[in-house]
Amino acid sequence: MVDELHLAIVPLLVGRGERLLDHVAEGIEGYRVAEMVSSPAATHALLVRR
């Protein structure tokens, strides 16, 4: 089981440009966003189990 998950999200066009993590700020089921730091190059999100 994963208690914490650090996602580094970098804008990159893949395929048709579908946005896989468009709503990560709302959290993923069973997790909450503990911290989110953005820059023009990347977004770092720390998700913690609820």
C-alpha atoms as a PDB file:
ATOM      1  CA  MET A   1       0.000   0.000   0.000  1.00  0.00           C
ATOM      2  CA  VAL A   2       1.114   3.535  -0.719  1.00  0.00           C
ATOM      3  CA  ASP A   3       0.845   6.098   2.099  1.00  0.00           C
ATOM      4  CA  GLU A   4       2.403   9.017   0.199  1.00  0.00           C
ATOM      5  CA  LEU A   5       2.814   9.657  -3.500  1.00  0.00           C
ATOM      6  CA  HIS A   6       4.948  12.422  -5.030  1.00  0.00           C
ATOM      7  CA  LEU A   7       3.881  13.241  -8.601  1.00  0.00           C
ATOM      8  CA  ALA A   8       6.075  15.371 -10.835  1.00  0.00           C
ATOM      9  CA  ILE A   9       3.865  16.562 -13.695  1.00  0.00           C
ATOM     10  CA  VAL A  10       5.611  18.028 -16.741  1.00  0.00           C
ATOM     11  CA  PRO A  11       3.686  19.420 -19.720  1.00  0.00           C
ATOM     12  CA  LEU A  12       4.434  17.073 -22.602  1.00  0.00           C
ATOM     13  CA  LEU A  13       2.393  16.426 -25.734  1.00  0.00           C
ATOM     14  CA  VAL A  14       1.788  12.687 -26.142  1.00  0.00           C
ATOM     15  CA  GLY A  15      -0.493  11.250 -28.780  1.00  0.00           C
ATOM     16  CA  ARG A  16      -3.460  13.547 -29.266  1.00  0.00           C
ATOM     17  CA  GLY A  17      -2.525  15.663 -26.270  1.00  0.00           C
ATOM     18  CA  GLU A  18      -4.994  14.123 -23.808  1.00  0.00           C
ATOM     19  CA  ARG A  19      -4.764  15.537 -20.271  1.00  0.00           C
ATOM     20  CA  LEU A  20      -4.412  12.496 -18.005  1.00  0.00           C
ATOM     21  CA  LEU A  21      -4.048  14.335 -14.685  1.00  0.00           C
ATOM     22  CA  ASP A  22      -6.176  17.398 -15.406  1.00  0.00           C
ATOM     23  CA  HIS A  23      -8.005  17.267 -12.063  1.00  0.00           C
ATOM     24  CA  VAL A  24      -5.185  16.122  -9.752  1.00  0.00           C
ATOM     25  CA  ALA A  25      -5.770  19.143  -7.473  1.00  0.00           C
ATOM     26  CA  GLU A  26      -9.119  17.603  -6.496  1.00  0.00           C
ATOM     27  CA  GLY A  27      -7.272  14.506  -5.295  1.00  0.00           C
ATOM     28  CA  ILE A  28      -7.367  10.878  -6.298  1.00  0.00           C
ATOM     29  CA  GLU A  29      -9.872   8.525  -4.656  1.00  0.00           C
ATOM     30  CA  GLY A  30      -8.613   7.649  -1.176  1.00  0.00           C
ATOM     31  CA  TYR A  31      -5.942  10.383  -1.192  1.00  0.00           C
ATOM     32  CA  ARG A  32      -5.815  14.093  -0.473  1.00  0.00           C
ATOM     33  CA  VAL A  33      -3.428  16.674  -1.890  1.00  0.00           C
ATOM     34  CA  ALA A  34      -1.145  17.696   0.987  1.00  0.00           C
ATOM     35  CA  GLU A  35       1.050  20.036  -1.047  1.00  0.00           C
ATOM     36  CA  MET A  36       1.161  21.368  -4.602  1.00  0.00           C
ATOM     37  CA  VAL A  37       3.995  23.511  -5.990  1.00  0.00           C
ATOM     38  CA  SER A  38       3.891  24.826  -9.559  1.00  0.00           C
ATOM     39  CA  SER A  39       6.395  26.458 -11.866  1.00  0.00           C
ATOM     40  CA  PRO A  40       6.385  27.051 -15.630  1.00  0.00           C
ATOM     41  CA  ALA A  41       8.438  23.851 -16.066  1.00  0.00           C
ATOM     42  CA  ALA A  42       6.588  21.395 -13.786  1.00  0.00           C
ATOM     43  CA  THR A  43       4.017  20.852 -11.066  1.00  0.00           C
ATOM     44  CA  HIS A  44       4.842  18.780  -7.997  1.00  0.00           C
ATOM     45  CA  ALA A  45       1.948  17.251  -6.053  1.00  0.00           C
ATOM     46  CA  LEU A  46       2.215  15.338  -2.769  1.00  0.00           C
ATOM     47  CA  LEU A  47      -0.745  13.039  -2.225  1.00  0.00           C
ATOM     48  CA  VAL A  48      -1.323  11.444   1.192  1.00  0.00           C
ATOM     49  CA  ARG A  49      -3.686   8.610   2.036  1.00  0.00           C
ATOM     50  CA  ARG A  50      -6.828   9.751   3.890  1.00  0.00           C
END
